[in-house]
Amino acid sequence: MLVSVVSGLLCVAAVFGLSGFASATGPEALEETLGKIRWYGHDTFRIDVGKVIYTDPYQIRHSDVADVIVVTHEHSDHCSPADIKKLSGPDTVVVAAKQCEGKLGGLGVQVVYVEPGGTTMIDGIEVSAVPAYNVDKSFHPKERNGVGFIVAARGVRIYFAGDTDRIPEMKEFSVDIALLPVSGTYVMNATEAAEATADMAPAYVIPMHYGSVVGSEADAGRFEELVKSKVGDRVKVKILGISAGTP
């Protein structure tokens, strides 16, 4: 698998862009990508963009092999070595926040460590690390350099926020699909997530980070109502049920 790492100023244009309702993406490609996103609870998604991408795999109960695994920070419900190993094959590439190095160093998988502003190219898929942190809580301090990811593939840009509050940087993100936490407590709540959605104006937004460790389906429902009240039909909310296995 071809992997290249770009860091510093060279990657800025790949991460940030002019925001607006729906990026310049063909509707067919966007709908196809949206239909191939599966949620396994908490912050774990399987995204098929021609390559299989998993986000923060946690408590995986099915068999699968990922092409790419992204890991946002070191907390055990996001950086789980056992779950990462379970989904890894000989060609799997893990792109993880640098703070995870102590947990993943001896795992025997290929890992690229990143901090906010770093971009990794993997077989034509662009994986850009963006800031993720708390602004009014102490669980995810900015100086720890936790990350979210913007994955660009087949003309579609997907933002996986990780554990974060609504932060100023979001206003500069240009994305088509956003995966956002809504539970509150450790991350932004439904109200803040709806405001973040308005900041970014993706075509679609999918709530996450509820129903297991913290938060409930009510948070996702309230988030949907708030998004509709703020932006109407310009952003569509898709609430996913938890998948039971591999497609």
C-alpha atoms as a PDB file:
ATOM      1  CA  MET A   1       0.000   0.000   0.000  1.00  0.00           C
ATOM      2  CA  LEU A   2       1.374   3.399  -1.036  1.00  0.00           C
ATOM      3  CA  VAL A   3       1.663   5.760   1.932  1.00  0.00           C
ATOM      4  CA  SER A   4       3.110   9.253   1.977  1.00  0.00           C
ATOM      5  CA  VAL A   5       3.124  11.799   4.780  1.00  0.00           C
ATOM      6  CA  VAL A   6       2.833  15.533   4.304  1.00  0.00           C
ATOM      7  CA  SER A   7       3.174  17.909   7.227  1.00  0.00           C
ATOM      8  CA  GLY A   8       3.223  21.577   8.063  1.00  0.00           C
ATOM      9  CA  LEU A   9       2.158  24.325   5.698  1.00  0.00           C
ATOM     10  CA  LEU A  10       2.001  22.057   2.656  1.00  0.00           C
ATOM     11  CA  CYS A  11      -1.157  20.424   3.946  1.00  0.00           C
ATOM     12  CA  VAL A  12      -3.132  23.504   4.920  1.00  0.00           C
ATOM     13  CA  ALA A  13      -5.014  23.784   1.646  1.00  0.00           C
ATOM     14  CA  ALA A  14      -6.042  20.157   1.916  1.00  0.00           C
ATOM     15  CA  VAL A  15      -7.550  20.620   5.364  1.00  0.00           C
ATOM     16  CA  PHE A  16      -9.179  24.020   5.212  1.00  0.00           C
ATOM     17  CA  GLY A  17     -11.283  25.510   2.471  1.00  0.00           C
ATOM     18  CA  LEU A  18     -14.132  27.870   1.827  1.00  0.00           C
ATOM     19  CA  SER A  19     -17.193  26.599   3.655  1.00  0.00           C
ATOM     20  CA  GLY A  20     -20.638  26.544   2.080  1.00  0.00           C
ATOM     21  CA  PHE A  21     -23.694  24.371   1.764  1.00  0.00           C
ATOM     22  CA  ALA A  22     -22.431  21.270  -0.024  1.00  0.00           C
ATOM     23  CA  SER A  23     -18.978  21.229  -1.558  1.00  0.00           C
ATOM     24  CA  ALA A  24     -18.372  20.795  -5.272  1.00  0.00           C
ATOM     25  CA  THR A  25     -19.217  17.111  -5.198  1.00  0.00           C
ATOM     26  CA  GLY A  26     -21.339  15.130  -7.613  1.00  0.00           C
ATOM     27  CA  PRO A  27     -24.602  14.096  -5.952  1.00  0.00           C
ATOM     28  CA  GLU A  28     -24.241  10.493  -7.072  1.00  0.00           C
ATOM     29  CA  ALA A  29     -20.795  10.111  -5.481  1.00  0.00           C
ATOM     30  CA  LEU A  30     -22.039  11.749  -2.303  1.00  0.00           C
ATOM     31  CA  GLU A  31     -25.109   9.534  -2.039  1.00  0.00           C
ATOM     32  CA  GLU A  32     -23.059   6.420  -2.770  1.00  0.00           C
ATOM     33  CA  THR A  33     -20.574   7.276  -0.027  1.00  0.00           C
ATOM     34  CA  LEU A  34     -23.339   8.101   2.442  1.00  0.00           C
ATOM     35  CA  GLY A  35     -24.941   4.726   1.803  1.00  0.00           C
ATOM     36  CA  LYS A  36     -21.687   2.940   2.652  1.00  0.00           C
ATOM     37  CA  ILE A  37     -21.232   4.398   6.131  1.00  0.00           C
ATOM     38  CA  ARG A  38     -22.065   1.980   8.930  1.00  0.00           C
ATOM     39  CA  TRP A  39     -22.074   2.802  12.633  1.00  0.00           C
ATOM     40  CA  TYR A  40     -21.018   0.323  15.308  1.00  0.00           C
ATOM     41  CA  GLY A  41     -21.812   2.534  18.278  1.00  0.00           C
ATOM     42  CA  HIS A  42     -19.945   5.271  20.131  1.00  0.00           C
ATOM     43  CA  ASP A  43     -17.401   6.721  17.638  1.00  0.00           C
ATOM     44  CA  THR A  44     -16.844   3.623  15.516  1.00  0.00           C
ATOM     45  CA  PHE A  45     -17.773   3.837  11.836  1.00  0.00           C
ATOM     46  CA  ARG A  46     -16.978   1.695   8.822  1.00  0.00           C
ATOM     47  CA  ILE A  47     -16.687   3.877   5.729  1.00  0.00           C
ATOM     48  CA  ASP A  48     -16.290   2.270   2.309  1.00  0.00           C
ATOM     49  CA  VAL A  49     -14.730   4.611  -0.255  1.00  0.00           C
ATOM     50  CA  GLY A  50     -13.280   1.844  -2.405  1.00  0.00           C
ATOM     51  CA  LYS A  51     -10.990   1.219   0.560  1.00  0.00           C
ATOM     52  CA  VAL A  52     -12.410   0.286   3.961  1.00  0.00           C
ATOM     53  CA  ILE A  53     -11.835   2.892   6.671  1.00  0.00           C
ATOM     54  CA  TYR A  54     -12.613   2.405  10.365  1.00  0.00           C
ATOM     55  CA  THR A  55     -12.775   5.218  12.907  1.00  0.00           C
ATOM     56  CA  ASP A  56     -11.802   4.761  16.576  1.00  0.00           C
ATOM     57  CA  PRO A  57     -12.682   1.031  16.643  1.00  0.00           C
ATOM     58  CA  TYR A  58     -14.024  -0.011  20.038  1.00  0.00           C
ATOM     59  CA  GLN A  59     -15.684  -3.223  21.239  1.00  0.00           C
ATOM     60  CA  ILE A  60     -15.644  -4.774  17.777  1.00  0.00           C
ATOM     61  CA  ARG A  61     -17.666  -7.996  17.676  1.00  0.00           C
ATOM     62  CA  HIS A  62     -17.392  -8.886  13.990  1.00  0.00           C
ATOM     63  CA  SER A  63     -14.610  -9.918  11.624  1.00  0.00           C
ATOM     64  CA  ASP A  64     -13.310  -7.531   8.989  1.00  0.00           C
ATOM     65  CA  VAL A  65     -10.035  -6.195   7.602  1.00  0.00           C
ATOM     66  CA  ALA A  66      -9.576  -2.451   7.319  1.00  0.00           C
ATOM     67  CA  ASP A  67      -7.421  -0.742   4.756  1.00  0.00           C
ATOM     68  CA  VAL A  68      -7.162   2.349   6.959  1.00  0.00           C
ATOM     69  CA  ILE A  69      -7.894   2.887  10.664  1.00  0.00           C
ATOM     70  CA  VAL A  70      -7.963   6.400  12.099  1.00  0.00           C
ATOM     71  CA  VAL A  71      -7.517   6.986  15.833  1.00  0.00           C
ATOM     72  CA  THR A  72      -8.231  10.388  17.351  1.00  0.00           C
ATOM     73  CA  HIS A  73      -6.717  10.221  20.842  1.00  0.00           C
ATOM     74  CA  GLU A  74      -5.400   7.926  23.552  1.00  0.00           C
ATOM     75  CA  HIS A  75      -8.518   7.321  25.683  1.00  0.00           C
ATOM     76  CA  SER A  76      -9.352   3.624  25.868  1.00  0.00           C
ATOM     77  CA  ASP A  77     -12.750   3.947  24.174  1.00  0.00           C
ATOM     78  CA  HIS A  78     -11.022   5.460  21.132  1.00  0.00           C
ATOM     79  CA  CYS A  79      -7.519   3.993  21.094  1.00  0.00           C
ATOM     80  CA  SER A  80      -8.141   0.308  21.772  1.00  0.00           C
ATOM     81  CA  PRO A  81      -5.130  -1.804  20.741  1.00  0.00           C
ATOM     82  CA  ALA A  82      -7.107  -5.058  20.845  1.00  0.00           C
ATOM     83  CA  ASP A  83      -9.782  -3.733  18.501  1.00  0.00           C
ATOM     84  CA  ILE A  84      -7.236  -2.160  16.169  1.00  0.00           C
ATOM     85  CA  LYS A  85      -5.359  -5.458  15.991  1.00  0.00           C
ATOM     86  CA  LYS A  86      -8.593  -7.348  15.322  1.00  0.00           C
ATOM     87  CA  LEU A  87      -9.313  -5.239  12.230  1.00  0.00           C
ATOM     88  CA  SER A  88      -5.739  -5.144  10.933  1.00  0.00           C
ATOM     89  CA  GLY A  89      -4.282  -7.157   8.084  1.00  0.00           C
ATOM     90  CA  PRO A  90      -0.763  -7.108   6.638  1.00  0.00           C
ATOM     91  CA  ASP A  91      -1.496  -3.995   4.542  1.00  0.00           C
ATOM     92  CA  THR A  92      -3.586  -2.035   7.043  1.00  0.00           C
ATOM     93  CA  VAL A  93      -2.383   1.498   7.783  1.00  0.00           C
ATOM     94  CA  VAL A  94      -3.279   3.077  11.125  1.00  0.00           C
ATOM     95  CA  VAL A  95      -3.262   6.881  11.238  1.00  0.00           C
ATOM     96  CA  ALA A  96      -3.250   7.869  14.901  1.00  0.00           C
ATOM     97  CA  ALA A  97      -2.761  10.924  17.068  1.00  0.00           C
ATOM     98  CA  LYS A  98       0.826  11.090  18.268  1.00  0.00           C
ATOM     99  CA  GLN A  99      -0.345  10.818  21.881  1.00  0.00           C
ATOM    100  CA  CYS A 100      -1.308   7.180  21.092  1.00  0.00           C
ATOM    101  CA  GLU A 101       2.293   6.143  20.435  1.00  0.00           C
ATOM    102  CA  GLY A 102       2.770   4.629  23.881  1.00  0.00           C
ATOM    103  CA  LYS A 103      -0.222   2.316  23.377  1.00  0.00           C
ATOM    104  CA  LEU A 104       0.371   1.314  19.766  1.00  0.00           C
ATOM    105  CA  GLY A 105       4.165   1.164  19.519  1.00  0.00           C
ATOM    106  CA  GLY A 106       4.464  -2.585  20.051  1.00  0.00           C
ATOM    107  CA  LEU A 107       1.271  -3.668  18.320  1.00  0.00           C
ATOM    108  CA  GLY A 108       2.920  -4.968  15.170  1.00  0.00           C
ATOM    109  CA  VAL A 109       0.868  -2.867  12.739  1.00  0.00           C
ATOM    110  CA  GLN A 110       1.912  -0.038  10.437  1.00  0.00           C
ATOM    111  CA  VAL A 111       1.181   3.257  12.219  1.00  0.00           C
ATOM    112  CA  VAL A 112       1.555   6.837  11.025  1.00  0.00           C
ATOM    113  CA  TYR A 113       1.463   9.270  13.955  1.00  0.00           C
ATOM    114  CA  VAL A 114       0.006  12.707  13.328  1.00  0.00           C
ATOM    115  CA  GLU A 115      -0.736  16.006  15.008  1.00  0.00           C
ATOM    116  CA  PRO A 116      -3.165  18.717  13.861  1.00  0.00           C
ATOM    117  CA  GLY A 117      -2.130  19.975  10.425  1.00  0.00           C
ATOM    118  CA  GLY A 118      -0.636  16.702   9.168  1.00  0.00           C
ATOM    119  CA  THR A 119      -1.851  14.958   6.019  1.00  0.00           C
ATOM    120  CA  THR A 120      -1.288  11.333   5.039  1.00  0.00           C
ATOM    121  CA  MET A 121      -1.915  10.011   1.517  1.00  0.00           C
ATOM    122  CA  ILE A 122      -2.833   6.329   1.355  1.00  0.00           C
ATOM    123  CA  ASP A 123      -3.485   4.859  -2.095  1.00  0.00           C
ATOM    124  CA  GLY A 124      -5.135   8.056  -3.284  1.00  0.00           C
ATOM    125  CA  ILE A 125      -7.073   8.683  -0.067  1.00  0.00           C
ATOM    126  CA  GLU A 126      -6.198  11.928   1.691  1.00  0.00           C
ATOM    127  CA  VAL A 127      -6.372  11.740   5.497  1.00  0.00           C
ATOM    128  CA  SER A 128      -5.921  15.154   7.113  1.00  0.00           C
ATOM    129  CA  ALA A 129      -5.631  15.626  10.877  1.00  0.00           C
ATOM    130  CA  VAL A 130      -7.485  18.639  12.266  1.00  0.00           C
ATOM    131  CA  PRO A 131      -7.737  20.018  15.811  1.00  0.00           C
ATOM    132  CA  ALA A 132     -10.048  18.387  18.367  1.00  0.00           C
ATOM    133  CA  TYR A 133     -10.235  19.707  21.922  1.00  0.00           C
ATOM    134  CA  ASN A 134     -12.411  20.984  24.762  1.00  0.00           C
ATOM    135  CA  VAL A 135     -12.976  24.687  25.306  1.00  0.00           C
ATOM    136  CA  ASP A 136     -14.789  24.540  28.655  1.00  0.00           C
ATOM    137  CA  LYS A 137     -13.792  21.111  30.011  1.00  0.00           C
ATOM    138  CA  SER A 138     -10.527  19.444  31.003  1.00  0.00           C
ATOM    139  CA  PHE A 139     -10.942  16.021  29.377  1.00  0.00           C
ATOM    140  CA  HIS A 140      -9.308  16.855  26.036  1.00  0.00           C
ATOM    141  CA  PRO A 141      -6.943  19.822  26.441  1.00  0.00           C
ATOM    142  CA  LYS A 142      -5.810  21.542  23.266  1.00  0.00           C
ATOM    143  CA  GLU A 143      -2.136  21.145  24.162  1.00  0.00           C
ATOM    144  CA  ARG A 144      -2.465  17.335  24.035  1.00  0.00           C
ATOM    145  CA  ASN A 145      -2.943  17.580  20.258  1.00  0.00           C
ATOM    146  CA  GLY A 146      -5.864  15.236  19.910  1.00  0.00           C
ATOM    147  CA  VAL A 147      -7.230  15.192  16.388  1.00  0.00           C
ATOM    148  CA  GLY A 148     -10.240  14.777  14.205  1.00  0.00           C
ATOM    149  CA  PHE A 149      -9.872  13.704  10.578  1.00  0.00           C
ATOM    150  CA  ILE A 150     -11.042  14.932   7.203  1.00  0.00           C
ATOM    151  CA  VAL A 151     -10.943  12.051   4.739  1.00  0.00           C
ATOM    152  CA  ALA A 152     -11.103  12.954   1.054  1.00  0.00           C
ATOM    153  CA  ALA A 153     -11.799  10.202  -1.455  1.00  0.00           C
ATOM    154  CA  ARG A 154     -13.651  10.014  -4.775  1.00  0.00           C
ATOM    155  CA  GLY A 155     -14.466  13.699  -4.596  1.00  0.00           C
ATOM    156  CA  VAL A 156     -16.214  13.423  -1.211  1.00  0.00           C
ATOM    157  CA  ARG A 157     -14.888  14.981   2.005  1.00  0.00           C
ATOM    158  CA  ILE A 158     -15.876  13.303   5.281  1.00  0.00           C
ATOM    159  CA  TYR A 159     -15.180  14.935   8.644  1.00  0.00           C
ATOM    160  CA  PHE A 160     -14.834  12.606  11.643  1.00  0.00           C
ATOM    161  CA  ALA A 161     -14.710  14.976  14.600  1.00  0.00           C
ATOM    162  CA  GLY A 162     -13.421  12.722  17.379  1.00  0.00           C
ATOM    163  CA  ASP A 163     -13.862  13.995  20.936  1.00  0.00           C
ATOM    164  CA  THR A 164     -14.215  17.745  20.649  1.00  0.00           C
ATOM    165  CA  ASP A 165     -16.291  20.747  21.512  1.00  0.00           C
ATOM    166  CA  ARG A 166     -17.474  23.260  18.953  1.00  0.00           C
ATOM    167  CA  ILE A 167     -14.205  25.012  18.098  1.00  0.00           C
ATOM    168  CA  PRO A 168     -13.425  28.071  15.941  1.00  0.00           C
ATOM    169  CA  GLU A 169     -11.476  26.015  13.398  1.00  0.00           C
ATOM    170  CA  MET A 170     -14.684  24.301  12.276  1.00  0.00           C
ATOM    171  CA  LYS A 171     -15.799  27.450  10.465  1.00  0.00           C
ATOM    172  CA  GLU A 172     -12.927  26.906   8.022  1.00  0.00           C
ATOM    173  CA  PHE A 173     -13.673  23.247   7.253  1.00  0.00           C
ATOM    174  CA  SER A 174     -15.052  22.414   3.823  1.00  0.00           C
ATOM    175  CA  VAL A 175     -16.773  19.034   4.110  1.00  0.00           C
ATOM    176  CA  ASP A 176     -19.658  17.117   2.566  1.00  0.00           C
ATOM    177  CA  ILE A 177     -20.440  14.700   5.402  1.00  0.00           C
ATOM    178  CA  ALA A 178     -19.793  15.425   9.089  1.00  0.00           C
ATOM    179  CA  LEU A 179     -19.760  12.833  11.885  1.00  0.00           C
ATOM    180  CA  LEU A 180     -20.259  14.775  15.114  1.00  0.00           C
ATOM    181  CA  PRO A 181     -20.485  13.916  18.842  1.00  0.00           C
ATOM    182  CA  VAL A 182     -23.712  15.060  20.505  1.00  0.00           C
ATOM    183  CA  SER A 183     -23.736  13.589  24.032  1.00  0.00           C
ATOM    184  CA  GLY A 184     -22.256  16.413  26.070  1.00  0.00           C
ATOM    185  CA  THR A 185     -20.205  15.649  29.241  1.00  0.00           C
ATOM    186  CA  TYR A 186     -16.868  14.920  27.501  1.00  0.00           C
ATOM    187  CA  VAL A 187     -17.720  16.544  24.166  1.00  0.00           C
ATOM    188  CA  MET A 188     -20.147  19.087  22.739  1.00  0.00           C
ATOM    189  CA  ASN A 189     -23.830  18.597  23.476  1.00  0.00           C
ATOM    190  CA  ALA A 190     -26.684  18.538  20.965  1.00  0.00           C
ATOM    191  CA  THR A 191     -27.080  22.314  20.983  1.00  0.00           C
ATOM    192  CA  GLU A 192     -23.374  22.948  20.442  1.00  0.00           C
ATOM    193  CA  ALA A 193     -23.192  20.256  17.764  1.00  0.00           C
ATOM    194  CA  ALA A 194     -26.072  21.892  15.901  1.00  0.00           C
ATOM    195  CA  GLU A 195     -24.204  25.205  16.036  1.00  0.00           C
ATOM    196  CA  ALA A 196     -21.078  23.462  14.728  1.00  0.00           C
ATOM    197  CA  THR A 197     -23.161  22.020  11.903  1.00  0.00           C
ATOM    198  CA  ALA A 198     -24.299  25.518  10.966  1.00  0.00           C
ATOM    199  CA  ASP A 199     -20.661  26.668  11.068  1.00  0.00           C
ATOM    200  CA  MET A 200     -19.536  24.009   8.582  1.00  0.00           C
ATOM    201  CA  ALA A 201     -22.695  23.580   6.514  1.00  0.00           C
ATOM    202  CA  PRO A 202     -22.053  20.058   5.182  1.00  0.00           C
ATOM    203  CA  ALA A 203     -24.578  18.376   2.930  1.00  0.00           C
ATOM    204  CA  TYR A 204     -25.161  15.656   5.547  1.00  0.00           C
ATOM    205  CA  VAL A 205     -24.437  15.256   9.241  1.00  0.00           C
ATOM    206  CA  ILE A 206     -24.487  12.049  11.288  1.00  0.00           C
ATOM    207  CA  PRO A 207     -24.595  12.171  15.115  1.00  0.00           C
ATOM    208  CA  MET A 208     -22.332   9.898  17.175  1.00  0.00           C
ATOM    209  CA  HIS A 209     -20.934   9.504  20.701  1.00  0.00           C
ATOM    210  CA  TYR A 210     -24.193   8.523  22.382  1.00  0.00           C
ATOM    211  CA  GLY A 211     -25.972   5.409  23.546  1.00  0.00           C
ATOM    212  CA  SER A 212     -23.052   3.513  25.090  1.00  0.00           C
ATOM    213  CA  VAL A 213     -20.394   5.274  27.161  1.00  0.00           C
ATOM    214  CA  VAL A 214     -22.461   8.425  27.608  1.00  0.00           C
ATOM    215  CA  GLY A 215     -25.530  10.046  26.072  1.00  0.00           C
ATOM    216  CA  SER A 216     -28.748   8.585  24.688  1.00  0.00           C
ATOM    217  CA  GLU A 217     -30.905   8.415  21.575  1.00  0.00           C
ATOM    218  CA  ALA A 218     -32.700  11.480  22.911  1.00  0.00           C
ATOM    219  CA  ASP A 219     -29.510  13.478  22.309  1.00  0.00           C
ATOM    220  CA  ALA A 220     -29.488  12.430  18.658  1.00  0.00           C
ATOM    221  CA  GLY A 221     -33.163  13.292  18.294  1.00  0.00           C
ATOM    222  CA  ARG A 222     -32.721  16.699  19.864  1.00  0.00           C
ATOM    223  CA  PHE A 223     -29.712  17.334  17.641  1.00  0.00           C
ATOM    224  CA  GLU A 224     -31.811  16.587  14.561  1.00  0.00           C
ATOM    225  CA  GLU A 225     -34.513  19.018  15.676  1.00  0.00           C
ATOM    226  CA  LEU A 226     -31.986  21.758  16.399  1.00  0.00           C
ATOM    227  CA  VAL A 227     -30.233  21.378  13.052  1.00  0.00           C
ATOM    228  CA  LYS A 228     -33.555  21.679  11.247  1.00  0.00           C
ATOM    229  CA  SER A 229     -34.424  24.804  13.217  1.00  0.00           C
ATOM    230  CA  LYS A 230     -31.056  26.412  12.428  1.00  0.00           C
ATOM    231  CA  VAL A 231     -30.484  25.549   8.778  1.00  0.00           C
ATOM    232  CA  GLY A 232     -33.717  24.022   7.534  1.00  0.00           C
ATOM    233  CA  ASP A 233     -33.263  21.545   4.704  1.00  0.00           C
ATOM    234  CA  ARG A 234     -29.852  22.841   3.680  1.00  0.00           C
ATOM    235  CA  VAL A 235     -28.200  20.186   5.868  1.00  0.00           C
ATOM    236  CA  LYS A 236     -29.747  16.746   6.126  1.00  0.00           C
ATOM    237  CA  VAL A 237     -29.422  14.781   9.381  1.00  0.00           C
ATOM    238  CA  LYS A 238     -29.023  11.011   9.105  1.00  0.00           C
ATOM    239  CA  ILE A 239     -29.378   9.056  12.348  1.00  0.00           C
ATOM    240  CA  LEU A 240     -27.880   5.597  11.931  1.00  0.00           C
ATOM    241  CA  GLY A 241     -28.860   2.475  13.791  1.00  0.00           C
ATOM    242  CA  ILE A 242     -26.091   0.323  15.210  1.00  0.00           C
ATOM    243  CA  SER A 243     -24.872  -2.266  12.711  1.00  0.00           C
ATOM    244  CA  ALA A 244     -24.623  -5.877  13.759  1.00  0.00           C
ATOM    245  CA  GLY A 245     -21.876  -7.069  11.455  1.00  0.00           C
ATOM    246  CA  THR A 246     -19.893  -6.655   8.268  1.00  0.00           C
ATOM    247  CA  PRO A 247     -21.700  -5.813   5.006  1.00  0.00           C
END
